[in-house]
C-alpha cells in the first residue's frame, strides 16, 4: 500500500486511534462489555505504552492520517517470555490491503527484539477476518485464556511461538 508509514504512537494519536478501535468494534457488533470498547486505557494509549516496560504500540498512517494501530504488552500473569498482541484495529478504509499483515510483522519484530519468545492474543468470532489473518501467521488456538487482560468478552485465545 502506497503512502503508509508505521511508527510508534505519539500523544496526538490518542483520539484518532481510540475512535478507530471503537468504530471497528461497532461495525462488527463487538462493542460489548468485557472488551477494549469500554477500557479507559483505550483513550490513553500513548500514556499506557510509554510507561510500561516491555510494551510498544505502533500507529499506521496513510497519507499522514491515522488509519490503525497494534501493539504488544506484557499482560499480567502471562507465561514467562510471553507478551500479548493488543489493540490491533484498522480503519475500514484500509482493510483487506495487507496493512494488518504489516502491523503483525512489526509487532513480532518488536516482541523478538524485546526478548519475548511467544505472543498471545485474545479476540472474538465477530472479528473473523482478523482471526483468519492470525491463523495464517501461525497463531494456534488455545482452550482457555491466559493471563489477566480483563477482557472477558473475548472467547478466542491464540498463541504463537516466535523463538528462533
N, C-alpha and C. Protein backbone atom coordinates (compact mmCIF):
# COMPACT_ATOMS: atom_id res chain seq x y z
N UNK A 1 0.83 -1.19 0.00
CA UNK A 1 0.00 0.00 0.00
C UNK A 1 0.87 1.25 0.00
N UNK A 2 0.71 2.10 -0.97
CA UNK A 2 1.49 3.32 -1.05
C UNK A 2 1.04 4.32 0.00
N UNK A 3 1.98 5.16 0.44
CA UNK A 3 1.65 6.22 1.38
C UNK A 3 1.51 5.77 2.83
N UNK A 4 1.93 4.54 3.15
CA UNK A 4 1.81 4.02 4.51
C UNK A 4 3.11 4.24 5.28
N UNK A 5 2.97 4.74 6.48
CA UNK A 5 4.09 4.87 7.42
C UNK A 5 3.65 4.20 8.71
N UNK A 6 4.53 3.39 9.28
CA UNK A 6 4.26 2.77 10.58
C UNK A 6 5.30 3.31 11.55
N UNK A 7 4.82 3.90 12.65
CA UNK A 7 5.71 4.50 13.64
C UNK A 7 5.13 4.27 15.04
N UNK A 8 5.94 4.57 16.05
CA UNK A 8 5.45 4.45 17.42
C UNK A 8 4.41 5.53 17.71
N UNK A 9 3.51 5.21 18.63
CA UNK A 9 2.43 6.13 18.99
C UNK A 9 2.97 7.43 19.58
N UNK A 10 2.29 8.51 19.30
CA UNK A 10 2.60 9.83 19.85
C UNK A 10 1.36 10.33 20.59
N UNK A 11 1.52 11.28 21.52
CA UNK A 11 0.37 11.76 22.29
C UNK A 11 -0.80 12.24 21.42
N UNK A 12 -0.50 12.85 20.30
CA UNK A 12 -1.56 13.38 19.44
C UNK A 12 -2.36 12.29 18.71
N UNK A 13 -1.93 11.03 18.81
CA UNK A 13 -2.62 9.92 18.15
C UNK A 13 -3.77 9.35 18.98
N UNK A 14 -3.80 9.66 20.28
CA UNK A 14 -4.76 9.01 21.18
C UNK A 14 -6.20 9.07 20.69
N UNK A 15 -6.68 10.25 20.36
CA UNK A 15 -8.09 10.40 19.99
C UNK A 15 -8.41 9.63 18.70
N UNK A 16 -7.54 9.73 17.71
CA UNK A 16 -7.80 9.07 16.42
C UNK A 16 -7.82 7.55 16.56
N UNK A 17 -6.85 6.98 17.28
CA UNK A 17 -6.81 5.52 17.38
C UNK A 17 -7.95 5.00 18.26
N UNK A 18 -8.32 5.73 19.31
CA UNK A 18 -9.46 5.32 20.13
C UNK A 18 -10.73 5.30 19.28
N UNK A 19 -10.88 6.28 18.40
CA UNK A 19 -12.03 6.32 17.50
C UNK A 19 -12.06 5.14 16.55
N UNK A 20 -10.91 4.79 16.00
CA UNK A 20 -10.83 3.65 15.08
C UNK A 20 -11.17 2.35 15.82
N UNK A 21 -10.64 2.18 17.02
CA UNK A 21 -10.92 0.97 17.79
C UNK A 21 -12.42 0.83 18.05
N UNK A 22 -13.02 1.89 18.55
CA UNK A 22 -14.45 1.80 18.90
C UNK A 22 -15.33 1.67 17.65
N UNK A 23 -15.00 2.40 16.60
CA UNK A 23 -15.80 2.30 15.37
C UNK A 23 -15.70 0.89 14.78
N UNK A 24 -14.51 0.30 14.81
CA UNK A 24 -14.32 -1.06 14.29
C UNK A 24 -15.18 -2.05 15.07
N UNK A 25 -15.17 -1.95 16.39
CA UNK A 25 -15.96 -2.86 17.20
C UNK A 25 -17.46 -2.67 16.94
N UNK A 26 -17.88 -1.42 16.75
CA UNK A 26 -19.29 -1.16 16.43
C UNK A 26 -19.66 -1.79 15.08
N UNK A 27 -18.78 -1.64 14.08
CA UNK A 27 -19.05 -2.18 12.74
C UNK A 27 -19.32 -3.68 12.77
N UNK A 28 -18.60 -4.39 13.65
CA UNK A 28 -18.71 -5.84 13.70
C UNK A 28 -19.62 -6.33 14.82
N UNK A 29 -20.32 -5.42 15.46
CA UNK A 29 -21.22 -5.81 16.53
C UNK A 29 -20.50 -6.37 17.74
N UNK A 30 -19.27 -5.92 17.94
CA UNK A 30 -18.45 -6.45 19.03
C UNK A 30 -18.21 -5.40 20.12
N UNK A 31 -19.02 -4.37 20.14
CA UNK A 31 -18.89 -3.30 21.14
C UNK A 31 -19.67 -3.71 22.38
N UNK A 32 -19.12 -4.71 23.07
CA UNK A 32 -19.81 -5.28 24.21
C UNK A 32 -18.96 -5.20 25.47
N UNK A 33 -19.58 -5.29 26.63
CA UNK A 33 -18.81 -5.27 27.88
C UNK A 33 -17.74 -6.36 27.88
N UNK A 34 -16.64 -6.08 28.56
CA UNK A 34 -15.55 -7.04 28.63
C UNK A 34 -14.61 -6.95 27.45
N UNK A 35 -14.72 -5.86 26.66
CA UNK A 35 -13.81 -5.65 25.52
C UNK A 35 -13.12 -4.29 25.67
N UNK A 36 -12.15 -4.03 24.80
CA UNK A 36 -11.44 -2.75 24.85
C UNK A 36 -12.36 -1.57 24.57
N UNK A 37 -13.55 -1.84 24.04
CA UNK A 37 -14.50 -0.76 23.77
C UNK A 37 -14.76 0.05 25.03
N UNK A 38 -14.81 -0.61 26.17
CA UNK A 38 -15.13 0.05 27.43
C UNK A 38 -13.90 0.31 28.31
N UNK A 39 -12.70 -0.02 27.84
CA UNK A 39 -11.48 0.24 28.62
C UNK A 39 -11.15 1.72 28.62
N UNK A 40 -10.93 2.27 29.80
CA UNK A 40 -10.47 3.65 29.90
C UNK A 40 -9.13 3.83 29.19
N UNK A 41 -8.28 2.81 29.23
CA UNK A 41 -6.95 2.91 28.62
C UNK A 41 -7.03 3.12 27.11
N UNK A 42 -8.14 2.76 26.47
CA UNK A 42 -8.29 2.94 25.03
C UNK A 42 -8.16 4.42 24.65
N UNK A 43 -8.53 5.30 25.55
CA UNK A 43 -8.42 6.73 25.28
C UNK A 43 -7.05 7.31 25.63
N UNK A 44 -6.17 6.48 26.20
CA UNK A 44 -4.87 6.96 26.69
C UNK A 44 -3.76 5.98 26.31
N UNK A 45 -3.75 5.53 25.08
CA UNK A 45 -2.78 4.51 24.69
C UNK A 45 -1.34 5.02 24.74
N UNK A 46 -1.12 6.26 24.36
CA UNK A 46 0.25 6.78 24.43
C UNK A 46 0.77 6.69 25.86
N UNK A 47 -0.03 7.14 26.81
CA UNK A 47 0.40 7.14 28.21
C UNK A 47 0.64 5.71 28.70
N UNK A 48 -0.24 4.81 28.33
CA UNK A 48 -0.10 3.41 28.75
C UNK A 48 1.20 2.80 28.21
N UNK A 49 1.40 2.91 26.91
CA UNK A 49 2.54 2.24 26.29
C UNK A 49 3.86 2.96 26.55
N UNK A 50 3.84 4.23 26.90
CA UNK A 50 5.10 4.94 27.17
C UNK A 50 5.57 4.72 28.60
N UNK A 51 4.73 4.13 29.45
CA UNK A 51 5.12 3.95 30.86
C UNK A 51 5.29 2.50 31.27
N UNK A 52 4.90 1.55 30.42
CA UNK A 52 5.00 0.14 30.78
C UNK A 52 6.18 -0.51 30.05
N UNK A 53 7.16 -0.93 30.83
CA UNK A 53 8.36 -1.58 30.27
C UNK A 53 7.95 -2.86 29.53
N UNK A 54 8.56 -3.09 28.38
CA UNK A 54 8.27 -4.28 27.60
C UNK A 54 7.06 -4.16 26.71
N UNK A 55 6.53 -2.92 26.58
CA UNK A 55 5.39 -2.69 25.70
C UNK A 55 5.77 -1.72 24.60
N UNK A 56 5.05 -1.78 23.50
CA UNK A 56 5.24 -0.83 22.41
C UNK A 56 3.95 -0.82 21.59
N UNK A 57 3.59 0.35 21.09
CA UNK A 57 2.38 0.47 20.27
C UNK A 57 2.73 1.21 19.00
N UNK A 58 2.29 0.64 17.88
CA UNK A 58 2.55 1.22 16.57
C UNK A 58 1.28 1.83 15.98
N UNK A 59 1.47 2.93 15.31
CA UNK A 59 0.40 3.63 14.60
C UNK A 59 0.69 3.51 13.11
N UNK A 60 -0.35 3.21 12.34
CA UNK A 60 -0.23 3.20 10.88
C UNK A 60 -0.85 4.49 10.35
N UNK A 61 -0.10 5.18 9.52
CA UNK A 61 -0.57 6.40 8.87
C UNK A 61 -0.68 6.14 7.37
N UNK A 62 -1.74 6.65 6.77
CA UNK A 62 -1.86 6.63 5.32
C UNK A 62 -2.02 8.07 4.88
N UNK A 63 -1.04 8.55 4.14
CA UNK A 63 -1.02 9.96 3.73
C UNK A 63 -1.22 10.88 4.94
N UNK A 64 -0.48 10.60 6.00
CA UNK A 64 -0.46 11.40 7.24
C UNK A 64 -1.74 11.32 8.08
N UNK A 65 -2.63 10.39 7.78
CA UNK A 65 -3.85 10.22 8.57
C UNK A 65 -3.76 8.89 9.31
N UNK A 66 -4.08 8.88 10.61
CA UNK A 66 -4.07 7.65 11.39
C UNK A 66 -5.14 6.71 10.84
N UNK A 67 -4.71 5.49 10.47
CA UNK A 67 -5.65 4.51 9.92
C UNK A 67 -5.64 3.19 10.69
N UNK A 68 -4.80 3.10 11.73
CA UNK A 68 -4.79 1.87 12.50
C UNK A 68 -3.68 1.83 13.52
N UNK A 69 -3.69 0.74 14.27
CA UNK A 69 -2.67 0.56 15.29
C UNK A 69 -2.64 -0.87 15.78
N UNK A 70 -1.53 -1.21 16.44
CA UNK A 70 -1.35 -2.53 17.05
C UNK A 70 -0.16 -2.44 17.98
N UNK A 71 -0.18 -3.26 19.02
CA UNK A 71 0.94 -3.23 19.95
C UNK A 71 1.16 -4.56 20.63
N UNK A 72 2.23 -4.57 21.42
CA UNK A 72 2.50 -5.72 22.28
C UNK A 72 2.58 -5.21 23.70
N UNK A 73 2.16 -6.06 24.62
CA UNK A 73 2.04 -5.64 26.01
C UNK A 73 2.32 -6.83 26.94
N UNK A 74 3.06 -6.58 28.02
CA UNK A 74 3.36 -7.67 28.97
C UNK A 74 2.20 -7.87 29.96
N UNK A 75 1.10 -8.37 29.47
CA UNK A 75 -0.11 -8.57 30.28
C UNK A 75 0.21 -9.38 31.54
N UNK A 76 -0.38 -8.96 32.65
CA UNK A 76 -0.16 -9.64 33.92
C UNK A 76 -0.47 -11.13 33.83
N UNK A 77 0.38 -11.91 34.48
CA UNK A 77 0.20 -13.36 34.66
C UNK A 77 0.27 -14.19 33.39
N UNK A 78 0.88 -13.66 32.33
CA UNK A 78 1.15 -14.49 31.16
C UNK A 78 2.37 -15.36 31.47
N UNK A 79 2.53 -16.48 30.77
CA UNK A 79 3.72 -17.30 30.98
C UNK A 79 5.00 -16.51 30.73
N UNK A 80 6.06 -16.94 31.35
CA UNK A 80 7.39 -16.32 31.18
C UNK A 80 7.72 -16.19 29.69
N UNK A 81 8.20 -15.02 29.28
CA UNK A 81 8.62 -14.80 27.89
C UNK A 81 7.48 -14.53 26.92
N UNK A 82 6.27 -14.34 27.44
CA UNK A 82 5.11 -14.13 26.58
C UNK A 82 4.58 -12.71 26.71
N UNK A 83 4.26 -12.10 25.57
CA UNK A 83 3.58 -10.80 25.57
C UNK A 83 2.25 -11.01 24.86
N UNK A 84 1.41 -9.99 24.91
CA UNK A 84 0.12 -10.07 24.25
C UNK A 84 0.08 -9.09 23.07
N UNK A 85 -0.45 -9.55 21.94
CA UNK A 85 -0.74 -8.67 20.81
C UNK A 85 -2.04 -7.96 21.16
N UNK A 86 -2.00 -6.65 21.24
CA UNK A 86 -3.16 -5.91 21.76
C UNK A 86 -3.60 -4.77 20.83
N UNK A 87 -4.88 -4.47 20.95
CA UNK A 87 -5.48 -3.30 20.31
C UNK A 87 -5.07 -3.15 18.85
N UNK A 88 -5.24 -4.27 18.13
CA UNK A 88 -4.93 -4.28 16.69
C UNK A 88 -6.22 -3.99 15.93
N UNK A 89 -6.31 -2.77 15.43
CA UNK A 89 -7.52 -2.33 14.71
C UNK A 89 -7.12 -1.46 13.54
N UNK A 90 -7.88 -1.61 12.45
CA UNK A 90 -7.64 -0.81 11.25
C UNK A 90 -8.94 -0.13 10.82
N UNK A 91 -8.80 1.05 10.29
CA UNK A 91 -9.94 1.76 9.71
C UNK A 91 -10.48 0.95 8.54
N UNK A 92 -11.79 1.01 8.33
CA UNK A 92 -12.38 0.26 7.22
C UNK A 92 -11.88 0.73 5.86
N UNK A 93 -11.26 1.89 5.79
CA UNK A 93 -10.74 2.41 4.52
C UNK A 93 -9.48 1.68 4.06
N UNK A 94 -8.83 0.95 4.97
CA UNK A 94 -7.57 0.29 4.61
C UNK A 94 -7.58 -1.22 4.82
N UNK A 95 -8.70 -1.76 5.27
CA UNK A 95 -8.77 -3.21 5.50
C UNK A 95 -8.71 -3.97 4.17
N UNK A 96 -8.12 -5.16 4.23
CA UNK A 96 -8.06 -6.03 3.05
C UNK A 96 -6.97 -5.67 2.07
N UNK A 97 -6.05 -4.80 2.49
CA UNK A 97 -4.98 -4.36 1.59
C UNK A 97 -3.59 -4.75 2.07
N UNK A 98 -3.53 -5.62 3.09
CA UNK A 98 -2.23 -6.10 3.56
C UNK A 98 -1.65 -5.33 4.74
N UNK A 99 -2.33 -4.29 5.18
CA UNK A 99 -1.79 -3.50 6.29
C UNK A 99 -1.79 -4.29 7.60
N UNK A 100 -2.79 -5.12 7.81
CA UNK A 100 -2.83 -5.94 9.02
C UNK A 100 -1.61 -6.84 9.12
N UNK A 101 -1.23 -7.42 8.00
CA UNK A 101 -0.02 -8.27 7.98
C UNK A 101 1.23 -7.46 8.31
N UNK A 102 1.31 -6.25 7.76
CA UNK A 102 2.46 -5.39 8.08
C UNK A 102 2.51 -5.06 9.58
N UNK A 103 1.36 -4.79 10.15
CA UNK A 103 1.30 -4.44 11.57
C UNK A 103 1.70 -5.63 12.45
N UNK A 104 1.20 -6.82 12.10
CA UNK A 104 1.58 -8.01 12.87
C UNK A 104 3.07 -8.28 12.73
N UNK A 105 3.60 -8.15 11.51
CA UNK A 105 5.05 -8.33 11.31
C UNK A 105 5.84 -7.39 12.21
N UNK A 106 5.42 -6.12 12.24
CA UNK A 106 6.13 -5.12 13.05
C UNK A 106 6.06 -5.50 14.54
N UNK A 107 4.91 -5.97 14.98
CA UNK A 107 4.76 -6.36 16.39
C UNK A 107 5.60 -7.59 16.72
N UNK A 108 5.66 -8.56 15.80
CA UNK A 108 6.50 -9.74 16.03
C UNK A 108 7.97 -9.34 16.09
N UNK A 109 8.40 -8.47 15.19
CA UNK A 109 9.79 -7.97 15.21
C UNK A 109 10.11 -7.30 16.54
N UNK A 110 9.20 -6.44 17.00
CA UNK A 110 9.42 -5.73 18.26
C UNK A 110 9.44 -6.69 19.44
N UNK A 111 8.53 -7.67 19.44
CA UNK A 111 8.49 -8.65 20.53
C UNK A 111 9.79 -9.44 20.58
N UNK A 112 10.28 -9.84 19.43
CA UNK A 112 11.54 -10.58 19.36
C UNK A 112 12.68 -9.72 19.88
N UNK A 113 12.74 -8.47 19.45
CA UNK A 113 13.79 -7.55 19.90
C UNK A 113 13.74 -7.31 21.40
N UNK A 114 12.55 -7.37 21.97
CA UNK A 114 12.40 -7.17 23.42
C UNK A 114 12.62 -8.46 24.21
N UNK A 115 12.93 -9.56 23.52
CA UNK A 115 13.27 -10.80 24.18
C UNK A 115 12.11 -11.75 24.46
N UNK A 116 10.94 -11.45 23.93
CA UNK A 116 9.82 -12.37 24.11
C UNK A 116 10.01 -13.60 23.23
N UNK A 117 9.46 -14.73 23.66
CA UNK A 117 9.56 -15.97 22.89
C UNK A 117 8.21 -16.43 22.35
N UNK A 118 7.13 -15.82 22.82
CA UNK A 118 5.81 -16.15 22.29
C UNK A 118 4.88 -14.95 22.43
N UNK A 119 3.86 -14.95 21.57
CA UNK A 119 2.86 -13.89 21.57
C UNK A 119 1.48 -14.53 21.72
N UNK A 120 0.73 -14.00 22.64
CA UNK A 120 -0.63 -14.44 22.95
C UNK A 120 -1.60 -13.38 22.44
N UNK A 121 -2.81 -13.77 22.08
CA UNK A 121 -3.82 -12.78 21.74
C UNK A 121 -5.20 -13.29 22.12
N UNK A 122 -6.09 -12.34 22.29
CA UNK A 122 -7.49 -12.63 22.56
C UNK A 122 -8.33 -11.90 21.52
N UNK A 123 -9.35 -12.58 21.02
CA UNK A 123 -10.22 -11.96 20.04
C UNK A 123 -11.61 -12.58 20.16
N UNK A 124 -12.45 -12.33 19.19
CA UNK A 124 -13.81 -12.85 19.24
C UNK A 124 -14.28 -13.23 17.84
N UNK A 125 -15.27 -14.11 17.76
CA UNK A 125 -15.74 -14.59 16.46
C UNK A 125 -16.24 -13.49 15.53
N UNK A 126 -16.74 -12.39 16.09
CA UNK A 126 -17.22 -11.28 15.26
C UNK A 126 -16.11 -10.71 14.37
N UNK A 127 -14.86 -10.90 14.78
CA UNK A 127 -13.72 -10.36 14.03
C UNK A 127 -13.07 -11.47 13.20
N UNK A 128 -13.89 -12.18 12.43
CA UNK A 128 -13.41 -13.38 11.74
C UNK A 128 -12.31 -13.12 10.72
N UNK A 129 -12.31 -11.97 10.08
CA UNK A 129 -11.21 -11.68 9.13
C UNK A 129 -9.88 -11.60 9.87
N UNK A 130 -9.90 -10.97 11.04
CA UNK A 130 -8.67 -10.88 11.84
C UNK A 130 -8.23 -12.27 12.28
N UNK A 131 -9.18 -13.10 12.70
CA UNK A 131 -8.86 -14.46 13.13
C UNK A 131 -8.18 -15.21 11.99
N UNK A 132 -8.69 -15.04 10.78
CA UNK A 132 -8.11 -15.69 9.60
C UNK A 132 -6.65 -15.24 9.39
N UNK A 133 -6.40 -13.95 9.57
CA UNK A 133 -5.03 -13.44 9.43
C UNK A 133 -4.13 -14.05 10.50
N UNK A 134 -4.61 -14.13 11.74
CA UNK A 134 -3.82 -14.73 12.81
C UNK A 134 -3.49 -16.19 12.50
N UNK A 135 -4.46 -16.91 11.97
CA UNK A 135 -4.22 -18.31 11.60
C UNK A 135 -3.11 -18.40 10.56
N UNK A 136 -3.15 -17.50 9.56
CA UNK A 136 -2.13 -17.52 8.51
C UNK A 136 -0.74 -17.22 9.06
N UNK A 137 -0.67 -16.47 10.15
CA UNK A 137 0.60 -16.16 10.79
C UNK A 137 1.08 -17.29 11.69
N UNK A 138 0.29 -18.34 11.82
CA UNK A 138 0.70 -19.47 12.64
C UNK A 138 0.27 -19.40 14.09
N UNK A 139 -0.64 -18.49 14.42
CA UNK A 139 -1.19 -18.49 15.77
C UNK A 139 -2.07 -19.72 15.91
N UNK A 140 -1.93 -20.41 17.04
CA UNK A 140 -2.69 -21.63 17.29
C UNK A 140 -3.70 -21.39 18.40
N UNK A 141 -4.83 -22.07 18.27
CA UNK A 141 -5.92 -21.91 19.23
C UNK A 141 -5.56 -22.52 20.58
N UNK A 142 -6.01 -21.86 21.63
CA UNK A 142 -5.88 -22.36 23.00
C UNK A 142 -7.28 -22.69 23.53
N UNK A 143 -7.35 -23.57 24.51
CA UNK A 143 -8.64 -23.98 25.07
C UNK A 143 -9.18 -23.00 26.09
N UNK A 144 -8.31 -22.13 26.62
CA UNK A 144 -8.72 -21.22 27.68
C UNK A 144 -7.83 -19.97 27.65
N UNK A 145 -8.28 -18.89 28.26
CA UNK A 145 -7.46 -17.68 28.27
C UNK A 145 -6.24 -17.82 29.17
N UNK A 146 -5.23 -17.01 28.87
CA UNK A 146 -4.03 -16.92 29.70
C UNK A 146 -3.95 -15.51 30.27
N UNK A 147 -3.24 -15.35 31.35
CA UNK A 147 -3.00 -14.01 31.88
C UNK A 147 -4.26 -13.36 32.41
N UNK A 148 -4.13 -12.05 32.65
CA UNK A 148 -5.23 -11.29 33.25
C UNK A 148 -5.46 -10.01 32.46
N UNK A 149 -6.02 -10.14 31.25
CA UNK A 149 -6.26 -8.98 30.40
C UNK A 149 -7.49 -8.20 30.85
N UNK A 150 -8.39 -8.88 31.54
CA UNK A 150 -9.63 -8.24 31.93
C UNK A 150 -10.69 -8.25 30.84
N UNK A 151 -10.37 -8.84 29.69
CA UNK A 151 -11.29 -8.83 28.55
C UNK A 151 -12.13 -10.11 28.52
N UNK A 152 -13.10 -10.15 29.37
CA UNK A 152 -13.97 -11.32 29.49
C UNK A 152 -14.91 -11.48 28.30
N UNK A 153 -15.00 -10.47 27.46
CA UNK A 153 -15.85 -10.53 26.27
C UNK A 153 -15.20 -11.25 25.11
N UNK A 154 -13.93 -11.61 25.27
CA UNK A 154 -13.21 -12.34 24.22
C UNK A 154 -13.29 -13.83 24.51
N UNK A 155 -13.59 -14.62 23.48
CA UNK A 155 -13.67 -16.06 23.71
C UNK A 155 -12.89 -16.88 22.68
N UNK A 156 -11.95 -16.21 22.00
CA UNK A 156 -10.98 -16.92 21.17
C UNK A 156 -9.61 -16.50 21.71
N UNK A 157 -8.79 -17.51 21.99
CA UNK A 157 -7.45 -17.27 22.54
C UNK A 157 -6.46 -18.01 21.67
N UNK A 158 -5.37 -17.33 21.30
CA UNK A 158 -4.40 -17.90 20.38
C UNK A 158 -2.98 -17.57 20.85
N UNK A 159 -2.02 -18.39 20.41
CA UNK A 159 -0.62 -18.20 20.80
C UNK A 159 0.28 -18.57 19.63
N UNK A 160 1.39 -17.83 19.53
CA UNK A 160 2.40 -18.13 18.51
C UNK A 160 3.78 -18.11 19.16
N UNK A 161 4.55 -19.16 18.89
CA UNK A 161 5.93 -19.21 19.35
C UNK A 161 6.77 -18.39 18.35
N UNK A 162 7.56 -17.43 18.86
CA UNK A 162 8.38 -16.61 17.97
C UNK A 162 9.88 -16.82 18.24
N UNK A 163 10.19 -17.80 19.11
CA UNK A 163 11.60 -18.08 19.40
C UNK A 163 12.25 -18.65 18.15
N UNK A 164 13.48 -18.18 17.87
CA UNK A 164 14.14 -18.68 16.65
C UNK A 164 14.99 -19.88 16.92
